[in-house]
C-alpha atoms as a PDB file:
ATOM      1  CA  MET A   1     -22.761-106.285 100.807  1.00  0.00           C
ATOM      2  CA  PRO A   2     -21.529-104.268  97.843  1.00  0.00           C
ATOM      3  CA  THR A   3     -21.613-105.348  94.219  1.00  0.00           C
ATOM      4  CA  TYR A   4     -18.329-105.187  92.317  1.00  0.00           C
ATOM      5  CA  ALA A   5     -17.862-105.173  88.547  1.00  0.00           C
ATOM      6  CA  TYR A   6     -15.029-107.128  86.955  1.00  0.00           C
ATOM      7  CA  ALA A   7     -13.765-107.392  83.371  1.00  0.00           C
ATOM      8  CA  CYS A   8     -11.299-109.861  81.884  1.00  0.00           C
ATOM      9  CA  LYS A   9      -8.167-108.320  80.376  1.00  0.00           C
ATOM     10  CA  ASP A  10      -7.828-111.238  77.918  1.00  0.00           C
ATOM     11  CA  CYS A  11     -11.297-112.139  76.603  1.00  0.00           C
ATOM     12  CA  GLY A  12     -13.279-109.023  77.650  1.00  0.00           C
ATOM     13  CA  HIS A  13     -15.868-110.993  79.666  1.00  0.00           C
ATOM     14  CA  ALA A  14     -17.577-108.591  82.107  1.00  0.00           C
ATOM     15  CA  PHE A  15     -19.677-109.524  85.135  1.00  0.00           C
ATOM     16  CA  ASP A  16     -20.866-108.282  88.521  1.00  0.00           C
ATOM     17  CA  ILE A  17     -20.474-110.130  91.803  1.00  0.00           C
ATOM     18  CA  VAL A  18     -21.635-109.456  95.360  1.00  0.00           C
ATOM     19  CA  GLN A  19     -18.720-109.627  97.798  1.00  0.00           C
ATOM     20  CA  ALA A  20     -18.137-108.654 101.403  1.00  0.00           C
ATOM     21  CA  PHE A  21     -15.687-105.870 102.167  1.00  0.00           C
ATOM     22  CA  THR A  22     -13.374-108.452 103.733  1.00  0.00           C
ATOM     23  CA  ASP A  23     -13.324-110.745 100.664  1.00  0.00           C
ATOM     24  CA  SER A  24     -10.234-110.566  98.489  1.00  0.00           C
ATOM     25  CA  SER A  25     -10.567-109.388  94.884  1.00  0.00           C
ATOM     26  CA  LEU A  26     -11.073-111.978  92.175  1.00  0.00           C
ATOM     27  CA  SER A  27      -8.078-112.572  89.926  1.00  0.00           C
ATOM     28  CA  ASP A  28      -9.088-115.335  87.453  1.00  0.00           C
ATOM     29  CA  CYS A  29     -11.741-115.032  84.735  1.00  0.00           C
ATOM     30  CA  PRO A  30     -14.449-117.717  85.052  1.00  0.00           C
ATOM     31  CA  GLU A  31     -14.637-117.981  81.223  1.00  0.00           C
ATOM     32  CA  CYS A  32     -11.009-118.203  80.052  1.00  0.00           C
ATOM     33  CA  GLN A  33      -8.963-118.221  83.319  1.00  0.00           C
ATOM     34  CA  GLY A  34      -7.329-114.940  82.180  1.00  0.00           C
ATOM     35  CA  SER A  35      -6.535-112.062  84.521  1.00  0.00           C
ATOM     36  CA  LEU A  36      -9.343-109.844  85.812  1.00  0.00           C
ATOM     37  CA  ARG A  37      -9.443-106.167  86.580  1.00  0.00           C
ATOM     38  CA  LYS A  38     -11.903-104.492  88.921  1.00  0.00           C
ATOM     39  CA  LYS A  39     -13.989-101.803  87.235  1.00  0.00           C
ATOM     40  CA  PHE A  40     -14.845 -98.680  89.187  1.00  0.00           C
ATOM     41  CA  ASN A  41     -18.260 -97.166  88.574  1.00  0.00           C
ATOM     42  CA  SER A  42     -19.879 -93.943  89.633  1.00  0.00           C
ATOM     43  CA  VAL A  43     -21.725 -93.669  92.914  1.00  0.00           C
ATOM     44  CA  GLY A  44     -25.075 -95.478  92.950  1.00  0.00           C
ATOM     45  CA  VAL A  45     -27.025 -92.722  94.726  1.00  0.00           C
ATOM     46  CA  VAL A  46     -26.867 -89.100  93.658  1.00  0.00           C
ATOM     47  CA  PHE A  47     -29.035 -86.445  95.286  1.00  0.00           C
ATOM     48  CA  LYS A  48     -30.035 -83.844  92.715  1.00  0.00           C
ATOM     49  CA  GLY A  49     -32.659 -81.152  92.730  1.00  0.00           C
ATOM     50  CA  SER A  50     -34.348 -79.376  95.575  1.00  0.00           C
ATOM     51  CA  GLY A  51     -35.604 -80.862  98.798  1.00  0.00           C
ATOM     52  CA  PHE A  52     -32.393 -82.449 100.056  1.00  0.00           C
ATOM     53  CA  TYR A  53     -31.176 -79.604 102.204  1.00  0.00           C
ATOM     54  CA  ARG A  54     -32.791 -78.145 105.286  1.00  0.00           C
ATOM     55  CA  THR A  55     -33.198 -74.748 103.616  1.00  0.00           C
ATOM     56  CA  ASP A  56     -34.883 -76.200 100.510  1.00  0.00           C
ATOM     57  CA  SER A  57     -38.075 -77.175 102.314  1.00  0.00           C
ATOM     58  CA  ARG A  58     -38.613 -73.835 103.997  1.00  0.00           C
ATOM     59  CA  ASP A  59     -40.820 -71.085 102.687  1.00  0.00           C
ATOM     60  CA  SER A  60     -39.752 -67.451 102.692  1.00  0.00           C
ATOM     61  CA  LYS A  61     -42.230 -66.504 105.455  1.00  0.00           C
ATOM     62  CA  GLY A  62     -40.641 -68.676 108.139  1.00  0.00           C
ATOM     63  CA  SER A  63     -40.353 -72.168 109.402  1.00  0.00           C
ATOM     64  CA  THR A  64     -43.285 -74.549 109.161  1.00  0.00           C
ATOM     65  CA  VAL A  65     -41.723 -76.936 111.668  1.00  0.00           C
ATOM     66  CA  SER A  66     -42.629 -76.250 115.284  1.00  0.00           C
ATOM     67  CA  ALA A  67     -39.625 -76.371 117.562  1.00  0.00           C
ATOM     68  CA  ALA A  68     -39.770 -78.023 120.967  1.00  0.00           C
ATOM     69  CA  PRO A  69     -39.012 -75.714 123.891  1.00  0.00           C
ATOM     70  CA  ALA A  70     -35.402 -75.796 125.055  1.00  0.00           C
ATOM     71  CA  PRO A  71     -34.803 -77.634 128.327  1.00  0.00           C
ATOM     72  CA  ALA A  72     -34.261 -75.408 131.341  1.00  0.00           C
ATOM     73  CA  ALA A  73     -30.632 -74.970 132.336  1.00  0.00           C
ATOM     74  CA  SER A  74     -29.688 -76.329 135.718  1.00  0.00           C
ATOM     75  CA  PRO A  75     -28.351 -73.752 138.172  1.00  0.00           C
ATOM     76  CA  ALA A  76     -24.578 -73.664 138.567  1.00  0.00           C
ATOM     77  CA  PRO A  77     -23.088 -74.768 141.894  1.00  0.00           C
ATOM     78  CA  ALA A  78     -22.331 -71.941 144.313  1.00  0.00           C
ATOM     79  CA  SER A  79     -18.555 -72.452 144.058  1.00  0.00           C
ATOM     80  CA  VAL A  80     -18.657 -71.939 140.277  1.00  0.00           C
ATOM     81  CA  SER A  81     -20.871 -68.853 140.592  1.00  0.00           C
ATOM     82  CA  ALA A  82     -18.555 -67.302 143.181  1.00  0.00           C
ATOM     83  CA  ALA A  83     -15.465 -67.975 141.058  1.00  0.00           C
ATOM     84  CA  ALA A  84     -17.140 -66.443 137.995  1.00  0.00           C
ATOM     85  CA  ALA A  85     -18.171 -63.371 139.954  1.00  0.00           C
ATOM     86  CA  ALA A  86     -14.621 -62.884 141.340  1.00  0.00           C
ATOM     87  CA  SER A  87     -13.048 -62.768 137.879  1.00  0.00           C
END
């Protein structure tokens, strides 16, 4: 469940609370019963630097990850092969 930050418009009391997505927003300050506003913060996780993209972990000489062989394709039915050859 996400944590939401609230601040009172009247007394300035600020606090965080854990609420479900389905819970309605709080409207009354627990300190002075004034009106609350929901504060919006930046994202909690930010990926910076190298190593987060597939190309960042590769060296210039080639891939270090061994690829599994591709599965063999199943042969097409004769009716599909004949139709492809006719066109």
